[in-house]
C-alpha atoms as a PDB file:
ATOM      1  CA  MET A   1      92.676 102.311 214.359  1.00  0.00           C
ATOM      2  CA  ASN A   2      93.475 104.883 217.012  1.00  0.00           C
ATOM      3  CA  GLY A   3      93.591 104.151 220.726  1.00  0.00           C
ATOM      4  CA  MET A   4      95.671 102.583 223.455  1.00  0.00           C
ATOM      5  CA  GLY A   5      95.143  99.163 221.895  1.00  0.00           C
ATOM      6  CA  SER A   6      97.053 100.147 218.762  1.00  0.00           C
ATOM      7  CA  VAL A   7      99.858 101.654 220.885  1.00  0.00           C
ATOM      8  CA  PHE A   8     100.244  98.452 222.847  1.00  0.00           C
ATOM      9  CA  ARG A   9     100.059  96.343 219.696  1.00  0.00           C
ATOM     10  CA  PHE A  10     103.006  98.359 218.378  1.00  0.00           C
ATOM     11  CA  GLN A  11     104.931  97.808 221.617  1.00  0.00           C
ATOM     12  CA  LYS A  12     104.071  94.118 221.588  1.00  0.00           C
ATOM     13  CA  ALA A  13     105.354  93.875 217.999  1.00  0.00           C
ATOM     14  CA  ARG A  14     108.681  95.406 219.109  1.00  0.00           C
ATOM     15  CA  TRP A  15     108.995  92.966 221.998  1.00  0.00           C
ATOM     16  CA  ARG A  16     108.146  90.040 219.740  1.00  0.00           C
ATOM     17  CA  PHE A  17     110.699  91.245 217.200  1.00  0.00           C
ATOM     18  CA  ALA A  18     113.419  91.404 219.861  1.00  0.00           C
ATOM     19  CA  LEU A  19     112.466  88.016 221.314  1.00  0.00           C
ATOM     20  CA  GLY A  20     112.333  86.509 217.840  1.00  0.00           C
ATOM     21  CA  TRP A  21     115.837  87.750 217.026  1.00  0.00           C
ATOM     22  CA  MET A  22     117.169  86.379 220.321  1.00  0.00           C
ATOM     23  CA  THR A  23     115.616  82.985 219.564  1.00  0.00           C
ATOM     24  CA  LEU A  24     117.060  82.960 216.036  1.00  0.00           C
ATOM     25  CA  VAL A  25     120.540  83.853 217.316  1.00  0.00           C
ATOM     26  CA  VAL A  26     120.427  81.031 219.895  1.00  0.00           C
ATOM     27  CA  LEU A  27     119.226  78.538 217.270  1.00  0.00           C
ATOM     28  CA  PHE A  28     121.907  79.787 214.890  1.00  0.00           C
ATOM     29  CA  GLY A  29     124.583  79.282 217.520  1.00  0.00           C
ATOM     30  CA  VAL A  30     123.405  75.826 218.586  1.00  0.00           C
ATOM     31  CA  THR A  31     123.067  74.645 214.987  1.00  0.00           C
ATOM     32  CA  GLY A  32     126.447  76.070 214.037  1.00  0.00           C
ATOM     33  CA  TYR A  33     128.317  74.393 216.906  1.00  0.00           C
ATOM     34  CA  MET A  34     126.560  71.078 216.372  1.00  0.00           C
ATOM     35  CA  THR A  35     127.453  71.174 212.656  1.00  0.00           C
ATOM     36  CA  LEU A  36     130.956  72.673 212.667  1.00  0.00           C
ATOM     37  CA  ALA A  37     132.304  71.374 215.982  1.00  0.00           C
ATOM     38  CA  HIS A  38     130.213  68.168 216.144  1.00  0.00           C
ATOM     39  CA  MET A  39     128.959  68.983 219.632  1.00  0.00           C
ATOM     40  CA  SER A  40     126.004  67.499 221.407  1.00  0.00           C
ATOM     41  CA  LEU A  41     122.873  69.607 221.883  1.00  0.00           C
ATOM     42  CA  LEU A  42     123.772  70.403 225.489  1.00  0.00           C
ATOM     43  CA  GLU A  43     127.369  71.308 224.626  1.00  0.00           C
ATOM     44  CA  ALA A  44     126.227  73.516 221.732  1.00  0.00           C
ATOM     45  CA  LEU A  45     123.672  75.277 223.912  1.00  0.00           C
ATOM     46  CA  TYR A  46     126.241  75.761 226.688  1.00  0.00           C
ATOM     47  CA  MET A  47     128.773  77.226 224.237  1.00  0.00           C
ATOM     48  CA  THR A  48     126.146  79.530 222.720  1.00  0.00           C
ATOM     49  CA  VAL A  49     124.985  80.852 226.098  1.00  0.00           C
ATOM     50  CA  ILE A  50     128.462  81.571 227.470  1.00  0.00           C
ATOM     51  CA  THR A  51     129.352  83.305 224.200  1.00  0.00           C
ATOM     52  CA  LEU A  52     126.238  85.504 224.081  1.00  0.00           C
ATOM     53  CA  THR A  53     126.437  86.424 227.745  1.00  0.00           C
ATOM     54  CA  THR A  54     130.216  87.017 227.485  1.00  0.00           C
ATOM     55  CA  ILE A  55     130.763  84.760 230.522  1.00  0.00           C
ATOM     56  CA  GLY A  56     133.256  82.487 228.787  1.00  0.00           C
ATOM     57  CA  PHE A  57     133.796  79.892 231.546  1.00  0.00           C
ATOM     58  CA  HIS A  58     135.255  77.128 229.372  1.00  0.00           C
ATOM     59  CA  ASP A  59     135.751  77.031 225.611  1.00  0.00           C
ATOM     60  CA  VAL A  60     134.301  73.619 224.792  1.00  0.00           C
ATOM     61  CA  ALA A  61     134.554  74.362 221.065  1.00  0.00           C
ATOM     62  CA  TYR A  62     138.334  74.819 221.296  1.00  0.00           C
ATOM     63  CA  ASP A  63     138.723  71.517 223.148  1.00  0.00           C
ATOM     64  CA  LYS A  64     136.518  69.753 220.610  1.00  0.00           C
ATOM     65  CA  THR A  65     138.236  71.085 217.461  1.00  0.00           C
ATOM     66  CA  GLY A  66     141.706  71.965 218.679  1.00  0.00           C
ATOM     67  CA  GLY A  67     141.310  75.559 217.597  1.00  0.00           C
ATOM     68  CA  ASP A  68     139.658  75.016 214.194  1.00  0.00           C
ATOM     69  CA  PRO A  69     139.755  78.435 212.423  1.00  0.00           C
ATOM     70  CA  THR A  70     136.246  77.919 211.034  1.00  0.00           C
ATOM     71  CA  VAL A  71     134.778  77.298 214.499  1.00  0.00           C
ATOM     72  CA  MET A  72     136.735  80.226 215.929  1.00  0.00           C
ATOM     73  CA  ALA A  73     135.444  82.522 213.179  1.00  0.00           C
ATOM     74  CA  PHE A  74     131.912  81.280 213.821  1.00  0.00           C
ATOM     75  CA  THR A  75     132.303  82.045 217.545  1.00  0.00           C
ATOM     76  CA  VAL A  76     133.472  85.575 216.751  1.00  0.00           C
ATOM     77  CA  LEU A  77     130.512  86.090 214.398  1.00  0.00           C
ATOM     78  CA  LEU A  78     128.081  84.749 216.998  1.00  0.00           C
ATOM     79  CA  ALA A  79     129.564  86.949 219.718  1.00  0.00           C
ATOM     80  CA  VAL A  80     129.342  90.122 217.621  1.00  0.00           C
ATOM     81  CA  PHE A  81     125.797  89.677 216.347  1.00  0.00           C
ATOM     82  CA  GLY A  82     124.503  87.831 219.393  1.00  0.00           C
ATOM     83  CA  VAL A  83     125.741  90.344 221.954  1.00  0.00           C
ATOM     84  CA  GLY A  84     124.299  93.151 219.817  1.00  0.00           C
ATOM     85  CA  THR A  85     120.938  91.403 219.749  1.00  0.00           C
ATOM     86  CA  LEU A  86     120.959  90.860 223.517  1.00  0.00           C
ATOM     87  CA  ALA A  87     121.916  94.507 224.069  1.00  0.00           C
ATOM     88  CA  PHE A  88     119.028  95.650 221.872  1.00  0.00           C
ATOM     89  CA  ALA A  89     116.533  93.413 223.683  1.00  0.00           C
ATOM     90  CA  PHE A  90     117.813  94.508 227.086  1.00  0.00           C
ATOM     91  CA  SER A  91     117.651  98.207 226.179  1.00  0.00           C
ATOM     92  CA  LEU A  92     114.103  97.728 224.846  1.00  0.00           C
ATOM     93  CA  PHE A  93     112.953  96.023 228.040  1.00  0.00           C
ATOM     94  CA  THR A  94     114.737  98.557 230.257  1.00  0.00           C
ATOM     95  CA  GLY A  95     113.268 101.430 228.272  1.00  0.00           C
ATOM     96  CA  SER A  96     109.815  99.947 228.693  1.00  0.00           C
ATOM     97  CA  LEU A  97     110.292  99.868 232.453  1.00  0.00           C
ATOM     98  CA  ILE A  98     111.624 103.420 232.612  1.00  0.00           C
ATOM     99  CA  GLU A  99     108.933 104.873 230.353  1.00  0.00           C
ATOM    100  CA  GLY A 100     106.172 102.955 232.095  1.00  0.00           C
ATOM    101  CA  GLU A 101     105.221 101.033 228.964  1.00  0.00           C
ATOM    102  CA  LEU A 102     105.291  97.676 230.732  1.00  0.00           C
ATOM    103  CA  ARG A 103     103.169  99.013 233.582  1.00  0.00           C
ATOM    104  CA  ASP A 104     100.756 100.543 231.077  1.00  0.00           C
ATOM    105  CA  TYR A 105     100.644  97.312 229.108  1.00  0.00           C
ATOM    106  CA  ILE A 106      99.707  95.334 232.235  1.00  0.00           C
ATOM    107  CA  GLY A 107      97.126  97.961 233.185  1.00  0.00           C
ATOM    108  CA  PHE A 108      95.673  97.860 229.687  1.00  0.00           C
ATOM    109  CA  HIS A 109      95.108  94.113 229.864  1.00  0.00           C
ATOM    110  CA  ARG A 110      93.622  94.385 233.345  1.00  0.00           C
ATOM    111  CA  ALA A 111      91.137  96.902 231.965  1.00  0.00           C
ATOM    112  CA  ARG A 112      90.323  94.566 229.089  1.00  0.00           C
ATOM    113  CA  ARG A 113      89.605  91.754 231.526  1.00  0.00           C
ATOM    114  CA  ARG A 114      87.280  94.036 233.494  1.00  0.00           C
ATOM    115  CA  VAL A 115      85.485  95.006 230.286  1.00  0.00           C
ATOM    116  CA  TYR A 116      85.141  91.356 229.298  1.00  0.00           C
ATOM    117  CA  ARG A 117      83.313  90.616 232.558  1.00  0.00           C
ATOM    118  CA  MET A 118      80.998  93.628 232.281  1.00  0.00           C
ATOM    119  CA  LYS A 119      77.338  93.401 231.322  1.00  0.00           C
ATOM    120  CA  ASP A 120      74.527  95.970 231.353  1.00  0.00           C
ATOM    121  CA  HIS A 121      77.121  98.678 231.851  1.00  0.00           C
ATOM    122  CA  TYR A 122      77.194 102.336 230.829  1.00  0.00           C
ATOM    123  CA  ILE A 123      79.616 103.823 228.295  1.00  0.00           C
ATOM    124  CA  VAL A 124      80.608 107.476 228.698  1.00  0.00           C
ATOM    125  CA  CYS A 125      82.147 108.818 225.474  1.00  0.00           C
ATOM    126  CA  GLY A 126      84.212 111.901 226.267  1.00  0.00           C
ATOM    127  CA  TYR A 127      85.782 112.954 229.552  1.00  0.00           C
ATOM    128  CA  GLY A 128      85.519 116.709 229.367  1.00  0.00           C
ATOM    129  CA  ARG A 129      83.812 118.831 232.012  1.00  0.00           C
ATOM    130  CA  MET A 130      80.436 117.153 231.506  1.00  0.00           C
ATOM    131  CA  GLY A 131      81.859 113.678 231.045  1.00  0.00           C
ATOM    132  CA  GLU A 132      83.796 113.950 234.300  1.00  0.00           C
ATOM    133  CA  ILE A 133      80.679 114.916 236.273  1.00  0.00           C
ATOM    134  CA  ILE A 134      78.639 112.144 234.624  1.00  0.00           C
ATOM    135  CA  ALA A 135      81.316 109.542 235.372  1.00  0.00           C
ATOM    136  CA  GLU A 136      81.546 110.647 238.993  1.00  0.00           C
ATOM    137  CA  SER A 137      77.752 110.433 239.367  1.00  0.00           C
ATOM    138  CA  LEU A 138      77.620 106.920 237.937  1.00  0.00           C
ATOM    139  CA  ASN A 139      80.617 105.817 239.973  1.00  0.00           C
ATOM    140  CA  ARG A 140      79.058 107.193 243.145  1.00  0.00           C
ATOM    141  CA  GLU A 141      76.076 104.885 242.589  1.00  0.00           C
ATOM    142  CA  ASN A 142      78.371 101.885 241.890  1.00  0.00           C
ATOM    143  CA  ILE A 143      77.054 101.544 238.356  1.00  0.00           C
ATOM    144  CA  PRO A 144      79.402  99.556 236.061  1.00  0.00           C
ATOM    145  CA  MET A 145      80.857 102.004 233.593  1.00  0.00           C
ATOM    146  CA  ILE A 146      83.501 102.452 230.927  1.00  0.00           C
ATOM    147  CA  VAL A 147      84.997 105.808 229.956  1.00  0.00           C
ATOM    148  CA  VAL A 148      86.119 106.262 226.338  1.00  0.00           C
ATOM    149  CA  GLU A 149      88.527 109.174 225.959  1.00  0.00           C
ATOM    150  CA  SER A 150      90.973 109.979 223.166  1.00  0.00           C
ATOM    151  CA  ASP A 151      93.259 112.271 225.189  1.00  0.00           C
ATOM    152  CA  LEU A 152      96.178 110.222 226.523  1.00  0.00           C
ATOM    153  CA  GLN A 153      97.104 113.055 228.876  1.00  0.00           C
ATOM    154  CA  ARG A 154      93.997 112.371 230.996  1.00  0.00           C
ATOM    155  CA  ARG A 155      94.657 108.651 231.360  1.00  0.00           C
ATOM    156  CA  ALA A 156      96.380 108.808 234.748  1.00  0.00           C
ATOM    157  CA  GLU A 157      93.731 111.164 236.139  1.00  0.00           C
ATOM    158  CA  ILE A 158      90.883 108.870 235.087  1.00  0.00           C
ATOM    159  CA  GLU A 159      92.488 105.658 236.326  1.00  0.00           C
ATOM    160  CA  GLU A 160      93.379 107.242 239.683  1.00  0.00           C
ATOM    161  CA  LYS A 161      89.644 107.556 240.292  1.00  0.00           C
ATOM    162  CA  GLY A 162      89.224 103.810 239.794  1.00  0.00           C
ATOM    163  CA  LEU A 163      87.400 104.159 236.473  1.00  0.00           C
ATOM    164  CA  THR A 164      87.728 101.667 233.641  1.00  0.00           C
ATOM    165  CA  LEU A 165      89.203 103.504 230.666  1.00  0.00           C
ATOM    166  CA  ILE A 166      89.541 102.785 226.978  1.00  0.00           C
ATOM    167  CA  VAL A 167      91.778 105.290 225.204  1.00  0.00           C
ATOM    168  CA  GLY A 168      90.576 105.890 221.689  1.00  0.00           C
ATOM    169  CA  ASP A 169      88.264 107.738 219.337  1.00  0.00           C
ATOM    170  CA  ALA A 170      84.664 106.817 220.171  1.00  0.00           C
ATOM    171  CA  THR A 171      83.594 107.558 216.592  1.00  0.00           C
ATOM    172  CA  HIS A 172      85.381 104.363 215.507  1.00  0.00           C
ATOM    173  CA  ASP A 173      83.419 101.122 215.647  1.00  0.00           C
ATOM    174  CA  GLU A 174      86.477  99.203 216.884  1.00  0.00           C
ATOM    175  CA  ILE A 175      86.742 101.376 219.987  1.00  0.00           C
ATOM    176  CA  LEU A 176      83.050 100.933 220.808  1.00  0.00           C
ATOM    177  CA  LYS A 177      83.449  97.181 220.372  1.00  0.00           C
ATOM    178  CA  GLU A 178      86.400  97.270 222.799  1.00  0.00           C
ATOM    179  CA  ALA A 179      83.953  98.861 225.258  1.00  0.00           C
ATOM    180  CA  ALA A 180      81.662  95.814 224.826  1.00  0.00           C
ATOM    181  CA  ILE A 181      78.872  97.921 223.379  1.00  0.00           C
ATOM    182  CA  GLN A 182      76.924  94.795 222.416  1.00  0.00           C
ATOM    183  CA  LYS A 183      76.454  94.027 226.135  1.00  0.00           C
ATOM    184  CA  ALA A 184      75.993  97.623 227.330  1.00  0.00           C
ATOM    185  CA  ARG A 185      72.787  99.060 228.763  1.00  0.00           C
ATOM    186  CA  ALA A 186      73.323 102.694 227.814  1.00  0.00           C
ATOM    187  CA  LEU A 187      75.740 105.077 226.105  1.00  0.00           C
ATOM    188  CA  ILE A 188      76.210 108.754 226.928  1.00  0.00           C
ATOM    189  CA  ALA A 189      77.817 110.810 224.146  1.00  0.00           C
ATOM    190  CA  VAL A 190      79.469 113.972 225.480  1.00  0.00           C
ATOM    191  CA  THR A 191      82.424 114.415 223.137  1.00  0.00           C
ATOM    192  CA  GLY A 192      83.671 117.876 222.261  1.00  0.00           C
ATOM    193  CA  THR A 193      81.675 118.504 219.072  1.00  0.00           C
ATOM    194  CA  ASP A 194      78.237 117.828 217.615  1.00  0.00           C
ATOM    195  CA  PRO A 195      79.631 115.936 214.575  1.00  0.00           C
ATOM    196  CA  ASP A 196      81.539 113.571 216.863  1.00  0.00           C
ATOM    197  CA  ASN A 197      78.440 112.960 218.992  1.00  0.00           C
ATOM    198  CA  LEU A 198      76.487 112.314 215.790  1.00  0.00           C
ATOM    199  CA  PHE A 199      79.038 109.746 214.572  1.00  0.00           C
ATOM    200  CA  VAL A 200      79.103 108.074 217.986  1.00  0.00           C
ATOM    201  CA  THR A 201      75.308 107.860 218.008  1.00  0.00           C
ATOM    202  CA  LEU A 202      75.141 106.412 214.490  1.00  0.00           C
ATOM    203  CA  SER A 203      77.809 103.810 215.211  1.00  0.00           C
ATOM    204  CA  ALA A 204      76.328 102.862 218.586  1.00  0.00           C
ATOM    205  CA  ARG A 205      72.824 102.436 217.169  1.00  0.00           C
ATOM    206  CA  GLN A 206      74.118 100.166 214.397  1.00  0.00           C
ATOM    207  CA  LEU A 207      76.185  98.064 216.782  1.00  0.00           C
ATOM    208  CA  ASN A 208      73.421  97.705 219.404  1.00  0.00           C
ATOM    209  CA  PRO A 209      69.852  98.461 218.237  1.00  0.00           C
ATOM    210  CA  ASP A 210      68.474  98.061 221.792  1.00  0.00           C
ATOM    211  CA  LEU A 211      70.936 100.441 223.431  1.00  0.00           C
ATOM    212  CA  LEU A 212      69.715 103.496 225.345  1.00  0.00           C
ATOM    213  CA  ILE A 213      71.596 106.463 223.861  1.00  0.00           C
ATOM    214  CA  VAL A 214      71.713 109.875 225.507  1.00  0.00           C
ATOM    215  CA  SER A 215      73.644 112.566 223.671  1.00  0.00           C
ATOM    216  CA  ARG A 216      74.628 116.169 224.250  1.00  0.00           C
ATOM    217  CA  ALA A 217      73.909 118.752 221.550  1.00  0.00           C
ATOM    218  CA  LEU A 218      75.331 122.234 221.271  1.00  0.00           C
ATOM    219  CA  SER A 219      72.682 123.484 218.844  1.00  0.00           C
ATOM    220  CA  ALA A 220      68.985 122.914 218.110  1.00  0.00           C
ATOM    221  CA  GLU A 221      69.870 121.764 214.592  1.00  0.00           C
ATOM    222  CA  ALA A 222      72.179 119.089 215.996  1.00  0.00           C
ATOM    223  CA  GLU A 223      69.417 117.963 218.361  1.00  0.00           C
ATOM    224  CA  ALA A 224      67.136 117.020 215.462  1.00  0.00           C
ATOM    225  CA  LYS A 225      69.954 115.208 213.627  1.00  0.00           C
ATOM    226  CA  LEU A 226      70.948 113.241 216.720  1.00  0.00           C
ATOM    227  CA  LEU A 227      67.372 112.097 217.239  1.00  0.00           C
ATOM    228  CA  ARG A 228      67.180 110.972 213.612  1.00  0.00           C
ATOM    229  CA  ALA A 229      70.533 109.189 214.029  1.00  0.00           C
ATOM    230  CA  GLY A 230      69.100 107.048 216.816  1.00  0.00           C
ATOM    231  CA  ALA A 231      69.530 108.915 220.110  1.00  0.00           C
ATOM    232  CA  ASN A 232      66.772 108.236 222.642  1.00  0.00           C
ATOM    233  CA  ARG A 233      67.370 111.514 224.451  1.00  0.00           C
ATOM    234  CA  VAL A 234      69.231 114.670 223.442  1.00  0.00           C
ATOM    235  CA  ILE A 235      70.204 117.269 226.021  1.00  0.00           C
ATOM    236  CA  LEU A 236      71.033 120.889 225.162  1.00  0.00           C
ATOM    237  CA  PRO A 237      73.070 122.157 228.127  1.00  0.00           C
ATOM    238  CA  TYR A 238      72.608 125.842 227.323  1.00  0.00           C
ATOM    239  CA  LYS A 239      68.826 125.429 227.055  1.00  0.00           C
ATOM    240  CA  LEU A 240      68.625 123.323 230.201  1.00  0.00           C
ATOM    241  CA  GLY A 241      70.876 125.719 232.097  1.00  0.00           C
ATOM    242  CA  ALA A 242      68.927 128.766 230.985  1.00  0.00           C
ATOM    243  CA  HIS A 243      65.652 127.157 232.035  1.00  0.00           C
ATOM    244  CA  GLN A 244      67.069 126.276 235.444  1.00  0.00           C
ATOM    245  CA  LEU A 245      68.380 129.804 235.944  1.00  0.00           C
ATOM    246  CA  ALA A 246      64.946 131.209 235.157  1.00  0.00           C
ATOM    247  CA  GLN A 247      63.254 128.768 237.519  1.00  0.00           C
ATOM    248  CA  ALA A 248      65.770 129.527 240.262  1.00  0.00           C
ATOM    249  CA  ALA A 249      64.720 133.176 240.046  1.00  0.00           C
ATOM    250  CA  LEU A 250      60.962 132.538 239.694  1.00  0.00           C
ATOM    251  CA  ARG A 251      60.454 129.432 241.851  1.00  0.00           C
ATOM    252  CA  PRO A 252      63.472 128.972 244.135  1.00  0.00           C
ATOM    253  CA  ASN A 253      61.714 126.528 246.478  1.00  0.00           C
ATOM    254  CA  VAL A 254      60.719 124.276 243.589  1.00  0.00           C
ATOM    255  CA  VAL A 255      64.319 124.271 242.363  1.00  0.00           C
ATOM    256  CA  ASP A 256      65.505 123.398 245.875  1.00  0.00           C
ATOM    257  CA  PHE A 257      63.136 120.434 245.911  1.00  0.00           C
ATOM    258  CA  ILE A 258      64.325 119.232 242.513  1.00  0.00           C
ATOM    259  CA  GLU A 259      67.961 119.541 243.611  1.00  0.00           C
ATOM    260  CA  ILE A 260      67.198 117.470 246.701  1.00  0.00           C
ATOM    261  CA  ALA A 261      65.409 114.816 244.665  1.00  0.00           C
ATOM    262  CA  THR A 262      68.112 114.593 242.006  1.00  0.00           C
ATOM    263  CA  ARG A 263      70.945 114.234 244.543  1.00  0.00           C
ATOM    264  CA  THR A 264      72.695 117.504 243.806  1.00  0.00           C
ATOM    265  CA  THR A 265      72.507 118.204 247.550  1.00  0.00           C
ATOM    266  CA  LYS A 266      73.657 116.077 250.475  1.00  0.00           C
ATOM    267  CA  LEU A 267      70.143 115.274 251.750  1.00  0.00           C
ATOM    268  CA  ASP A 268      69.256 111.607 251.356  1.00  0.00           C
ATOM    269  CA  ILE A 269      66.043 112.081 249.379  1.00  0.00           C
ATOM    270  CA  GLU A 270      65.944 110.728 245.841  1.00  0.00           C
ATOM    271  CA  ILE A 271      63.685 110.172 242.866  1.00  0.00           C
ATOM    272  CA  GLU A 272      64.018 106.712 241.361  1.00  0.00           C
ATOM    273  CA  GLU A 273      62.286 104.815 238.580  1.00  0.00           C
ATOM    274  CA  VAL A 274      61.179 101.243 239.163  1.00  0.00           C
ATOM    275  CA  HIS A 275      60.293  98.827 236.401  1.00  0.00           C
ATOM    276  CA  VAL A 276      57.393  96.551 237.348  1.00  0.00           C
ATOM    277  CA  ALA A 277      58.232  93.101 235.992  1.00  0.00           C
ATOM    278  CA  PRO A 278      55.372  90.773 234.967  1.00  0.00           C
ATOM    279  CA  ALA A 279      56.179  88.522 237.972  1.00  0.00           C
ATOM    280  CA  SER A 280      56.328  91.413 240.447  1.00  0.00           C
ATOM    281  CA  VAL A 281      54.204  91.310 243.614  1.00  0.00           C
ATOM    282  CA  LEU A 282      52.876  94.749 242.676  1.00  0.00           C
ATOM    283  CA  VAL A 283      51.146  93.658 239.451  1.00  0.00           C
ATOM    284  CA  GLY A 284      47.352  93.946 239.656  1.00  0.00           C
ATOM    285  CA  LYS A 285      47.370  95.887 242.918  1.00  0.00           C
ATOM    286  CA  THR A 286      46.260  99.444 243.508  1.00  0.00           C
ATOM    287  CA  LEU A 287      48.610 101.911 245.118  1.00  0.00           C
ATOM    288  CA  ARG A 288      46.518 101.591 248.269  1.00  0.00           C
ATOM    289  CA  GLN A 289      47.044  97.797 248.261  1.00  0.00           C
ATOM    290  CA  ALA A 290      50.786  98.083 247.546  1.00  0.00           C
ATOM    291  CA  THR A 291      51.696  98.045 251.226  1.00  0.00           C
ATOM    292  CA  LEU A 292      55.363  97.472 250.423  1.00  0.00           C
ATOM    293  CA  LEU A 293      55.664 101.031 249.116  1.00  0.00           C
ATOM    294  CA  ARG A 294      53.800 102.493 252.074  1.00  0.00           C
ATOM    295  CA  ASP A 295      55.779 100.501 254.638  1.00  0.00           C
ATOM    296  CA  LEU A 296      59.015 101.843 253.162  1.00  0.00           C
ATOM    297  CA  GLY A 297      57.730 105.400 253.259  1.00  0.00           C
ATOM    298  CA  LEU A 298      57.882 105.802 249.478  1.00  0.00           C
ATOM    299  CA  ILE A 299      55.669 108.125 247.456  1.00  0.00           C
ATOM    300  CA  VAL A 300      54.657 107.308 243.873  1.00  0.00           C
ATOM    301  CA  ILE A 301      54.593 110.647 242.065  1.00  0.00           C
ATOM    302  CA  GLY A 302      54.091 109.267 238.573  1.00  0.00           C
ATOM    303  CA  ILE A 303      53.503 106.150 236.483  1.00  0.00           C
ATOM    304  CA  ARG A 304      54.609 105.661 232.893  1.00  0.00           C
ATOM    305  CA  ARG A 305      52.329 103.041 231.426  1.00  0.00           C
ATOM    306  CA  GLY A 306      54.043 100.135 229.712  1.00  0.00           C
ATOM    307  CA  SER A 307      51.181  99.688 227.262  1.00  0.00           C
ATOM    308  CA  ASP A 308      51.193 103.124 225.627  1.00  0.00           C
ATOM    309  CA  HIS A 309      54.081 104.979 227.392  1.00  0.00           C
ATOM    310  CA  ARG A 310      51.582 107.521 228.744  1.00  0.00           C
ATOM    311  CA  MET A 311      52.730 109.350 231.878  1.00  0.00           C
ATOM    312  CA  GLU A 312      50.266 109.689 234.781  1.00  0.00           C
ATOM    313  CA  PHE A 313      51.277 112.318 237.329  1.00  0.00           C
ATOM    314  CA  ASN A 314      50.187 112.184 240.960  1.00  0.00           C
ATOM    315  CA  PRO A 315      48.175 108.932 240.580  1.00  0.00           C
ATOM    316  CA  SER A 316      45.357 108.320 243.044  1.00  0.00           C
ATOM    317  CA  ALA A 317      45.358 105.552 245.666  1.00  0.00           C
ATOM    318  CA  GLU A 318      42.964 103.542 243.474  1.00  0.00           C
ATOM    319  CA  THR A 319      45.302 103.517 240.466  1.00  0.00           C
ATOM    320  CA  THR A 320      46.135  99.955 239.427  1.00  0.00           C
ATOM    321  CA  ILE A 321      49.723  98.906 238.779  1.00  0.00           C
ATOM    322  CA  ASP A 322      50.146  96.878 235.583  1.00  0.00           C
ATOM    323  CA  ALA A 323      52.999  94.732 234.311  1.00  0.00           C
ATOM    324  CA  ASN A 324      55.805  96.657 232.578  1.00  0.00           C
ATOM    325  CA  ASP A 325      54.746  99.968 234.130  1.00  0.00           C
ATOM    326  CA  ILE A 326      57.497 102.274 235.379  1.00  0.00           C
ATOM    327  CA  LEU A 327      56.890 103.827 238.779  1.00  0.00           C
ATOM    328  CA  ILE A 328      58.437 107.226 239.524  1.00  0.00           C
ATOM    329  CA  VAL A 329      59.104 106.987 243.271  1.00  0.00           C
ATOM    330  CA  LEU A 330      60.266 109.560 245.809  1.00  0.00           C
ATOM    331  CA  GLY A 331      61.898 108.527 249.070  1.00  0.00           C
ATOM    332  CA  LYS A 332      65.064 108.037 251.078  1.00  0.00           C
ATOM    333  CA  GLY A 333      68.020 106.384 249.439  1.00  0.00           C
ATOM    334  CA  GLU A 334      68.260 103.334 251.701  1.00  0.00           C
ATOM    335  CA  LYS A 335      64.506 102.700 251.378  1.00  0.00           C
ATOM    336  CA  LEU A 336      64.713 102.845 247.594  1.00  0.00           C
ATOM    337  CA  ALA A 337      67.585 100.352 247.679  1.00  0.00           C
ATOM    338  CA  GLU A 338      65.540  98.105 249.969  1.00  0.00           C
ATOM    339  CA  MET A 339      62.592  98.299 247.568  1.00  0.00           C
ATOM    340  CA  HIS A 340      64.821  97.111 244.710  1.00  0.00           C
ATOM    341  CA  THR A 341      65.905  94.180 246.918  1.00  0.00           C
ATOM    342  CA  HIS A 342      62.290  93.151 247.534  1.00  0.00           C
ATOM    343  CA  LEU A 343      61.347  93.451 243.871  1.00  0.00           C
ATOM    344  CA  ALA A 344      64.472  91.727 242.477  1.00  0.00           C
END
């Protein structure tokens, strides 16, 4: 399996190997002194430690055996192999500090703890030009999110922005599981190629059948395949961009309004969707009777019916709100947030 997890597992194996050798050398020394020089456990441990650390305060073994050649040879053997083992372990630990491996290892486990606590989060697969903009948009709205990126060179840049990162290939099931895909709300696939986005979509749909999947496609052919693979929405950037360019030339004021409503400008006017839960105070009321919306200065510009997913644009004041409907609401950001508080 690719990814930062495999890198750290390799480093952990090296550290365990070094620690294991150190433990074996100490046990070897203690056992040898207890057997050959008939020392107590404390004396044997003391002799082993001063030999390995080259301190050499007091040669207890010499006092015990009167300079037994066997014990002296054992001490030489222990010093040679033991000091070499300690030097290897020390160089490994020092190298980890210098190369940042220890820092990265701690950061990796912190990220894993954050992922473990996440629920209903978003997973952004790919941190290219589009992935970076998507991540910034989600982060700006304080939406819990995990970035999956295979390029180690971008790790520092992503983490400096306070984003939770998993380094690895998103086409692998293990990487998606590390991103807690079973608990995620949505996945956005914006990797570099259509085949990769297709693999990500297939894997994500198998791992979480209820997941909302939005994928980028670079061709119309890929769009159809991604939809068949399980994507809920497929976006073709070139098609969307071309349409927006045409509209900007034909209907510039309409485009300005859409930019305001979709937060691409600094004006605090937004379009939000609101799910009407069965226990909501809005159920069974007409838009005229839904005083909460009016008091907050919100405008309902559309309703997607929960029963048949039909979209009603510009509903009249006498339109009834039903359970599981989705209201498309236009208004100021703080008022939309307040509405969510009332309906929570």
